[in-house]
Amino acid sequence: MAEALPLCYHGAISKKECEDLLGKKNKDGAYLIRASETLQGAMCLCVYNKKVVNTYRLFQTCTGQYTLLTAGGVQEMCFKTLDDLIRHYKRKNQGMVMHLRHSVKRKTAMLIQPRRPPEDPVDEDKQRMFEEASDYENVTDSTYVEVLPE
């Protein structure tokens, strides 16, 4: 099932485009989320404060939860959804230079899509490759060896 992304998620926009959008809003606490340009799979939570855009790395853990790298000394927290994370950082004194106040919304809908098999049923090679890549847990013939403690 696809997870709806918050309206403040803008996808793969550049740092410059992000700064332009936040600068147009021109309000302390304006924020948006974008895909990281440098770390594949990471996101950036960008917050406008005193004409400067502060960027925080945002990661999705292997369990599907979201976590944000904040100032030193602030305990790392995990959130079930991006909306939960945003709700938390709207509160003051949570390790950010400025709490979240004004969402900069995108214009179109976006979804996190689950991985699906190729559409073309004729291409058996594509189908086989998809099945091999996506079903490690149910492999009966494995080259892995179980190692038991002595």
N, C-alpha and C. Protein backbone atom coordinates (compact mmCIF):
# COMPACT_ATOMS: atom_id res chain seq x y z
N MET A 1 0.85 -1.18 0.00
CA MET A 1 0.00 0.00 0.00
C MET A 1 0.89 1.24 0.00
N ALA A 2 0.57 2.19 -0.80
CA ALA A 2 1.37 3.41 -0.90
C ALA A 2 1.07 4.33 0.27
N GLU A 3 2.13 4.96 0.76
CA GLU A 3 1.99 5.91 1.86
C GLU A 3 1.95 7.32 1.28
N ALA A 4 0.93 8.07 1.64
CA ALA A 4 0.83 9.44 1.15
C ALA A 4 1.90 10.29 1.82
N LEU A 5 2.59 11.08 1.03
CA LEU A 5 3.61 11.97 1.57
C LEU A 5 2.98 13.28 2.00
N PRO A 6 3.55 13.92 3.03
CA PRO A 6 2.99 15.21 3.44
C PRO A 6 3.13 16.24 2.32
N LEU A 7 2.25 17.22 2.31
CA LEU A 7 2.27 18.23 1.26
C LEU A 7 3.55 19.06 1.24
N CYS A 8 4.30 19.04 2.34
CA CYS A 8 5.55 19.80 2.38
C CYS A 8 6.70 19.04 1.73
N TYR A 9 6.48 17.78 1.28
CA TYR A 9 7.53 17.02 0.60
C TYR A 9 7.54 17.41 -0.88
N HIS A 10 8.70 17.89 -1.35
CA HIS A 10 8.82 18.39 -2.72
C HIS A 10 9.62 17.47 -3.63
N GLY A 11 10.07 16.32 -3.13
CA GLY A 11 10.80 15.39 -3.97
C GLY A 11 12.20 15.87 -4.30
N ALA A 12 12.64 15.58 -5.52
CA ALA A 12 14.02 15.84 -5.94
C ALA A 12 14.20 17.25 -6.47
N ILE A 13 13.98 18.24 -5.61
CA ILE A 13 14.29 19.61 -6.02
C ILE A 13 15.70 19.93 -5.54
N SER A 14 16.34 20.88 -6.18
CA SER A 14 17.71 21.23 -5.81
C SER A 14 17.72 22.10 -4.55
N LYS A 15 18.90 22.21 -3.98
CA LYS A 15 19.09 23.09 -2.81
C LYS A 15 18.70 24.52 -3.18
N LYS A 16 19.09 24.95 -4.36
CA LYS A 16 18.78 26.31 -4.83
C LYS A 16 17.27 26.52 -4.96
N GLU A 17 16.57 25.55 -5.57
CA GLU A 17 15.11 25.65 -5.70
C GLU A 17 14.45 25.71 -4.32
N CYS A 18 14.97 24.92 -3.39
CA CYS A 18 14.46 24.90 -2.01
C CYS A 18 14.64 26.28 -1.38
N GLU A 19 15.83 26.82 -1.50
CA GLU A 19 16.10 28.14 -0.91
C GLU A 19 15.21 29.22 -1.53
N ASP A 20 14.96 29.11 -2.83
CA ASP A 20 14.07 30.08 -3.49
C ASP A 20 12.64 29.98 -2.96
N LEU A 21 12.13 28.75 -2.81
CA LEU A 21 10.77 28.55 -2.29
C LEU A 21 10.64 29.10 -0.87
N LEU A 22 11.61 28.78 -0.02
CA LEU A 22 11.55 29.25 1.36
C LEU A 22 11.75 30.76 1.43
N GLY A 23 12.61 31.30 0.57
CA GLY A 23 12.84 32.75 0.54
C GLY A 23 11.59 33.50 0.10
N LYS A 24 10.82 32.91 -0.83
CA LYS A 24 9.57 33.53 -1.26
C LYS A 24 8.57 33.60 -0.10
N LYS A 25 8.55 32.56 0.71
CA LYS A 25 7.65 32.53 1.88
C LYS A 25 8.10 33.61 2.87
N ASN A 26 9.42 33.74 3.05
CA ASN A 26 10.04 34.80 3.86
C ASN A 26 9.46 34.89 5.28
N LYS A 27 9.28 33.72 5.91
CA LYS A 27 8.78 33.68 7.28
C LYS A 27 9.66 32.76 8.10
N ASP A 28 10.10 33.22 9.27
CA ASP A 28 10.86 32.35 10.16
C ASP A 28 10.00 31.14 10.53
N GLY A 29 10.61 29.96 10.43
CA GLY A 29 9.88 28.72 10.71
C GLY A 29 9.24 28.11 9.48
N ALA A 30 9.39 28.73 8.30
CA ALA A 30 8.90 28.11 7.06
C ALA A 30 9.75 26.87 6.80
N TYR A 31 9.13 25.80 6.31
CA TYR A 31 9.87 24.55 6.12
C TYR A 31 9.32 23.76 4.95
N LEU A 32 10.18 22.87 4.45
CA LEU A 32 9.79 21.89 3.45
C LEU A 32 10.74 20.70 3.56
N ILE A 33 10.34 19.60 2.97
CA ILE A 33 11.18 18.40 2.91
C ILE A 33 11.48 18.13 1.44
N ARG A 34 12.73 17.79 1.15
CA ARG A 34 13.14 17.45 -0.21
C ARG A 34 14.04 16.23 -0.17
N ALA A 35 14.23 15.60 -1.31
CA ALA A 35 15.17 14.48 -1.42
C ALA A 35 16.59 15.04 -1.35
N SER A 36 17.48 14.33 -0.67
CA SER A 36 18.87 14.76 -0.57
C SER A 36 19.54 14.64 -1.93
N GLU A 37 20.36 15.63 -2.27
CA GLU A 37 21.12 15.59 -3.52
C GLU A 37 22.38 14.75 -3.38
N THR A 38 22.88 14.58 -2.15
CA THR A 38 24.17 13.93 -1.95
C THR A 38 24.08 12.53 -1.35
N LEU A 39 23.04 12.24 -0.58
CA LEU A 39 22.90 10.91 0.03
C LEU A 39 21.66 10.22 -0.50
N GLN A 40 21.88 9.19 -1.31
CA GLN A 40 20.76 8.46 -1.90
C GLN A 40 19.89 7.87 -0.80
N GLY A 41 18.58 8.07 -0.89
CA GLY A 41 17.64 7.52 0.07
C GLY A 41 17.38 8.42 1.26
N ALA A 42 18.21 9.43 1.46
CA ALA A 42 18.00 10.37 2.56
C ALA A 42 17.15 11.54 2.09
N MET A 43 16.59 12.25 3.04
CA MET A 43 15.83 13.45 2.75
C MET A 43 16.41 14.59 3.56
N CYS A 44 15.99 15.80 3.26
CA CYS A 44 16.41 16.99 3.99
C CYS A 44 15.18 17.74 4.46
N LEU A 45 15.17 18.07 5.73
CA LEU A 45 14.16 18.96 6.28
C LEU A 45 14.81 20.34 6.31
N CYS A 46 14.28 21.27 5.54
CA CYS A 46 14.89 22.59 5.39
C CYS A 46 14.01 23.62 6.09
N VAL A 47 14.63 24.43 6.95
CA VAL A 47 13.91 25.39 7.78
C VAL A 47 14.49 26.78 7.58
N TYR A 48 13.64 27.74 7.33
CA TYR A 48 14.03 29.14 7.11
C TYR A 48 14.03 29.87 8.44
N ASN A 49 15.14 30.56 8.75
CA ASN A 49 15.24 31.34 9.98
C ASN A 49 16.20 32.50 9.75
N LYS A 50 15.72 33.71 9.91
CA LYS A 50 16.52 34.93 9.77
C LYS A 50 17.26 34.97 8.43
N LYS A 51 16.52 34.71 7.36
CA LYS A 51 17.01 34.75 5.98
C LYS A 51 18.07 33.69 5.66
N VAL A 52 18.17 32.66 6.50
CA VAL A 52 19.09 31.55 6.28
C VAL A 52 18.29 30.25 6.26
N VAL A 53 18.64 29.33 5.35
CA VAL A 53 17.99 28.02 5.29
C VAL A 53 18.88 27.01 6.01
N ASN A 54 18.36 26.42 7.07
CA ASN A 54 19.06 25.39 7.82
C ASN A 54 18.55 24.04 7.34
N THR A 55 19.47 23.11 7.09
CA THR A 55 19.11 21.80 6.54
C THR A 55 19.45 20.71 7.53
N TYR A 56 18.49 19.83 7.78
CA TYR A 56 18.66 18.69 8.69
C TYR A 56 18.48 17.41 7.89
N ARG A 57 19.38 16.45 8.10
CA ARG A 57 19.27 15.16 7.43
C ARG A 57 18.13 14.37 8.05
N LEU A 58 17.36 13.75 7.18
CA LEU A 58 16.19 12.97 7.57
C LEU A 58 16.33 11.60 6.94
N PHE A 59 16.29 10.56 7.77
CA PHE A 59 16.49 9.19 7.28
C PHE A 59 15.29 8.33 7.62
N GLN A 60 15.07 7.32 6.79
CA GLN A 60 14.09 6.29 7.10
C GLN A 60 14.87 5.06 7.53
N THR A 61 14.57 4.55 8.72
CA THR A 61 15.29 3.40 9.26
C THR A 61 14.86 2.12 8.54
N CYS A 62 15.57 1.04 8.80
CA CYS A 62 15.24 -0.23 8.17
C CYS A 62 13.87 -0.76 8.62
N THR A 63 13.36 -0.24 9.73
CA THR A 63 12.03 -0.64 10.21
C THR A 63 10.94 0.26 9.64
N GLY A 64 11.33 1.25 8.81
CA GLY A 64 10.35 2.12 8.18
C GLY A 64 10.05 3.40 8.95
N GLN A 65 10.69 3.57 10.11
CA GLN A 65 10.46 4.79 10.88
C GLN A 65 11.38 5.91 10.39
N TYR A 66 11.04 7.14 10.75
CA TYR A 66 11.81 8.31 10.32
C TYR A 66 12.55 8.91 11.51
N THR A 67 13.78 9.37 11.25
CA THR A 67 14.58 10.01 12.29
C THR A 67 15.31 11.20 11.69
N LEU A 68 15.56 12.19 12.54
CA LEU A 68 16.17 13.44 12.11
C LEU A 68 17.44 13.67 12.89
N LEU A 69 18.54 14.04 12.21
CA LEU A 69 19.78 14.39 12.90
C LEU A 69 19.64 15.82 13.40
N THR A 70 19.72 16.01 14.71
CA THR A 70 19.56 17.33 15.30
C THR A 70 20.83 17.71 16.05
N ALA A 71 20.76 18.79 16.80
CA ALA A 71 21.92 19.29 17.54
C ALA A 71 22.44 18.25 18.53
N GLY A 72 23.75 18.32 18.81
CA GLY A 72 24.37 17.42 19.76
C GLY A 72 23.70 17.53 21.12
N GLY A 73 23.62 16.42 21.82
CA GLY A 73 23.01 16.43 23.14
C GLY A 73 21.51 16.21 23.12
N VAL A 74 20.90 16.23 21.92
CA VAL A 74 19.47 15.98 21.80
C VAL A 74 19.28 14.52 21.45
N GLN A 75 18.44 13.83 22.22
CA GLN A 75 18.22 12.41 22.02
C GLN A 75 17.57 12.15 20.65
N GLU A 76 18.10 11.16 19.92
CA GLU A 76 17.53 10.78 18.63
C GLU A 76 16.17 10.13 18.87
N MET A 77 15.21 10.53 18.06
CA MET A 77 13.86 9.98 18.18
C MET A 77 13.44 9.39 16.84
N CYS A 78 12.59 8.38 16.90
CA CYS A 78 12.05 7.77 15.69
C CYS A 78 10.54 8.00 15.65
N PHE A 79 10.03 8.19 14.43
CA PHE A 79 8.62 8.48 14.24
C PHE A 79 8.05 7.55 13.19
N LYS A 80 6.83 7.11 13.40
CA LYS A 80 6.17 6.17 12.50
C LYS A 80 5.93 6.79 11.11
N THR A 81 5.56 8.07 11.08
CA THR A 81 5.29 8.74 9.80
C THR A 81 6.01 10.10 9.77
N LEU A 82 6.13 10.65 8.57
CA LEU A 82 6.69 11.99 8.43
C LEU A 82 5.78 13.02 9.11
N ASP A 83 4.48 12.80 9.05
CA ASP A 83 3.55 13.72 9.72
C ASP A 83 3.79 13.73 11.23
N ASP A 84 4.07 12.56 11.83
CA ASP A 84 4.38 12.51 13.27
C ASP A 84 5.66 13.29 13.57
N LEU A 85 6.67 13.13 12.72
CA LEU A 85 7.93 13.85 12.90
C LEU A 85 7.70 15.37 12.83
N ILE A 86 6.95 15.79 11.83
CA ILE A 86 6.65 17.22 11.67
C ILE A 86 5.90 17.75 12.89
N ARG A 87 4.90 17.01 13.33
CA ARG A 87 4.12 17.43 14.50
C ARG A 87 5.03 17.63 15.72
N HIS A 88 6.00 16.73 15.90
CA HIS A 88 6.92 16.84 17.03
C HIS A 88 7.79 18.09 16.93
N TYR A 89 8.35 18.34 15.75
CA TYR A 89 9.27 19.47 15.58
C TYR A 89 8.55 20.82 15.41
N LYS A 90 7.25 20.81 15.49
CA LYS A 90 6.50 22.07 15.56
C LYS A 90 6.58 22.64 16.98
N ARG A 91 6.96 21.79 17.93
CA ARG A 91 7.13 22.25 19.31
C ARG A 91 8.49 22.92 19.45
N LYS A 92 8.56 23.91 20.32
CA LYS A 92 9.81 24.64 20.55
C LYS A 92 10.82 23.78 21.30
N ASN A 93 12.10 24.13 21.15
CA ASN A 93 13.21 23.52 21.90
C ASN A 93 13.33 22.01 21.69
N GLN A 94 13.29 21.58 20.44
CA GLN A 94 13.45 20.16 20.13
C GLN A 94 14.75 19.87 19.40
N GLY A 95 15.72 20.82 19.48
CA GLY A 95 17.03 20.59 18.88
C GLY A 95 17.23 21.23 17.53
N MET A 96 16.26 22.00 17.07
CA MET A 96 16.38 22.70 15.79
C MET A 96 16.60 24.18 16.07
N VAL A 97 17.20 24.87 15.10
CA VAL A 97 17.45 26.30 15.24
C VAL A 97 16.14 27.07 15.37
N MET A 98 15.09 26.56 14.75
CA MET A 98 13.76 27.19 14.79
C MET A 98 12.72 26.09 14.66
N HIS A 99 11.69 26.14 15.47
CA HIS A 99 10.65 25.12 15.35
C HIS A 99 9.86 25.35 14.05
N LEU A 100 9.22 24.29 13.58
CA LEU A 100 8.48 24.34 12.33
C LEU A 100 7.19 25.13 12.52
N ARG A 101 6.95 26.10 11.62
CA ARG A 101 5.76 26.94 11.79
C ARG A 101 4.91 27.06 10.52
N HIS A 102 5.55 27.18 9.36
CA HIS A 102 4.83 27.46 8.11
C HIS A 102 5.24 26.47 7.03
N SER A 103 4.37 25.54 6.72
CA SER A 103 4.65 24.54 5.70
C SER A 103 4.63 25.18 4.31
N VAL A 104 5.65 24.88 3.50
CA VAL A 104 5.66 25.30 2.10
C VAL A 104 5.18 24.09 1.31
N LYS A 105 3.97 24.17 0.81
CA LYS A 105 3.31 23.01 0.18
C LYS A 105 3.63 22.91 -1.31
N ARG A 106 3.72 21.67 -1.79
CA ARG A 106 3.89 21.43 -3.22
C ARG A 106 2.52 21.52 -3.89
N LYS A 107 2.54 21.55 -5.20
CA LYS A 107 1.30 21.74 -5.95
C LYS A 107 0.63 20.43 -6.38
N THR A 108 1.40 19.32 -6.43
CA THR A 108 0.85 18.06 -6.93
C THR A 108 0.98 16.96 -5.90
N ALA A 109 0.15 15.92 -6.03
CA ALA A 109 0.17 14.79 -5.11
C ALA A 109 1.36 13.88 -5.40
N MET A 110 1.92 13.28 -4.34
CA MET A 110 3.01 12.31 -4.47
C MET A 110 2.73 11.14 -3.53
N LEU A 111 3.13 9.96 -3.94
CA LEU A 111 2.97 8.77 -3.11
C LEU A 111 4.29 8.02 -3.06
N ILE A 112 4.55 7.36 -1.92
CA ILE A 112 5.66 6.41 -1.85
C ILE A 112 5.09 5.11 -2.40
N GLN A 113 5.60 4.68 -3.53
CA GLN A 113 5.06 3.51 -4.20
C GLN A 113 5.78 2.24 -3.76
N PRO A 114 5.04 1.19 -3.45
CA PRO A 114 5.70 -0.09 -3.18
C PRO A 114 6.29 -0.63 -4.47
N ARG A 115 7.32 -1.45 -4.34
CA ARG A 115 7.98 -2.01 -5.51
C ARG A 115 7.05 -3.03 -6.15
N ARG A 116 6.86 -2.91 -7.48
CA ARG A 116 5.95 -3.80 -8.20
C ARG A 116 6.69 -4.55 -9.30
N PRO A 117 6.16 -5.71 -9.69
CA PRO A 117 6.80 -6.45 -10.78
C PRO A 117 6.61 -5.71 -12.10
N PRO A 118 7.44 -6.04 -13.10
CA PRO A 118 7.30 -5.41 -14.41
C PRO A 118 5.90 -5.63 -14.97
N GLU A 119 5.40 -4.65 -15.71
CA GLU A 119 4.05 -4.69 -16.27
C GLU A 119 3.94 -5.69 -17.43
N ASP A 120 5.02 -5.91 -18.15
CA ASP A 120 5.00 -6.71 -19.36
C ASP A 120 5.06 -8.20 -19.03
N PRO A 121 3.92 -8.93 -19.11
CA PRO A 121 3.94 -10.35 -18.76
C PRO A 121 4.69 -11.21 -19.77
N VAL A 122 4.96 -10.68 -20.97
CA VAL A 122 5.66 -11.43 -22.01
C VAL A 122 7.14 -11.56 -21.68
N ASP A 123 7.70 -10.56 -21.01
CA ASP A 123 9.13 -10.57 -20.73
C ASP A 123 9.41 -11.42 -19.48
N GLU A 124 9.61 -12.70 -19.69
CA GLU A 124 9.81 -13.64 -18.59
C GLU A 124 11.12 -13.39 -17.85
N ASP A 125 12.17 -12.92 -18.56
CA ASP A 125 13.44 -12.62 -17.92
C ASP A 125 13.28 -11.51 -16.89
N LYS A 126 12.55 -10.44 -17.24
CA LYS A 126 12.31 -9.35 -16.29
C LYS A 126 11.55 -9.86 -15.07
N GLN A 127 10.52 -10.67 -15.32
CA GLN A 127 9.70 -11.20 -14.23
C GLN A 127 10.56 -12.06 -13.29
N ARG A 128 11.39 -12.94 -13.86
CA ARG A 128 12.24 -13.82 -13.06
C ARG A 128 13.23 -12.99 -12.24
N MET A 129 13.84 -11.96 -12.87
CA MET A 129 14.79 -11.11 -12.15
C MET A 129 14.11 -10.38 -11.00
N PHE A 130 12.89 -9.91 -11.23
CA PHE A 130 12.16 -9.22 -10.17
C PHE A 130 11.90 -10.18 -8.99
N GLU A 131 11.44 -11.38 -9.30
CA GLU A 131 11.13 -12.34 -8.25
C GLU A 131 12.39 -12.71 -7.47
N GLU A 132 13.52 -12.90 -8.15
CA GLU A 132 14.76 -13.24 -7.47
C GLU A 132 15.23 -12.10 -6.58
N ALA A 133 15.07 -10.87 -7.02
CA ALA A 133 15.55 -9.72 -6.27
C ALA A 133 14.66 -9.37 -5.09
N SER A 134 13.39 -9.74 -5.14
CA SER A 134 12.48 -9.25 -4.11
C SER A 134 12.02 -10.30 -3.12
N ASP A 135 12.50 -11.53 -3.19
CA ASP A 135 11.98 -12.56 -2.29
C ASP A 135 13.09 -13.39 -1.67
N TYR A 136 13.99 -12.74 -0.95
CA TYR A 136 15.11 -13.44 -0.33
C TYR A 136 14.67 -14.37 0.79
N GLU A 137 13.65 -14.00 1.53
CA GLU A 137 13.25 -14.77 2.71
C GLU A 137 12.71 -16.15 2.36
N ASN A 138 12.09 -16.29 1.20
CA ASN A 138 11.43 -17.54 0.87
C ASN A 138 12.23 -18.43 -0.07
N VAL A 139 13.53 -18.21 -0.13
CA VAL A 139 14.39 -19.03 -0.99
C VAL A 139 14.65 -20.34 -0.28
N THR A 140 14.34 -21.46 -0.97
CA THR A 140 14.55 -22.77 -0.35
C THR A 140 15.96 -23.29 -0.61
N ASP A 141 16.50 -23.02 -1.78
CA ASP A 141 17.84 -23.47 -2.13
C ASP A 141 18.80 -22.30 -1.94
N SER A 142 19.54 -22.31 -0.86
CA SER A 142 20.39 -21.16 -0.54
C SER A 142 21.84 -21.59 -0.45
N THR A 143 22.74 -20.66 -0.81
CA THR A 143 24.17 -20.93 -0.69
C THR A 143 24.69 -20.49 0.68
N TYR A 144 23.81 -19.95 1.52
CA TYR A 144 24.22 -19.53 2.86
C TYR A 144 24.35 -20.74 3.77
N VAL A 145 25.32 -20.68 4.68
CA VAL A 145 25.55 -21.76 5.61
C VAL A 145 25.18 -21.27 7.00
N GLU A 146 24.44 -22.07 7.72
CA GLU A 146 24.06 -21.70 9.08
C GLU A 146 25.24 -21.96 10.00
N VAL A 147 25.65 -20.96 10.75
CA VAL A 147 26.77 -21.09 11.67
C VAL A 147 26.21 -21.13 13.08
N LEU A 148 26.53 -22.20 13.79
CA LEU A 148 26.05 -22.36 15.17
C LEU A 148 27.18 -22.08 16.15
N PRO A 149 26.88 -21.51 17.30
CA PRO A 149 27.93 -21.27 18.30
C PRO A 149 28.48 -22.59 18.81
N GLU A 150 29.75 -22.58 19.18
CA GLU A 150 30.40 -23.82 19.68
C GLU A 150 30.04 -24.09 21.11
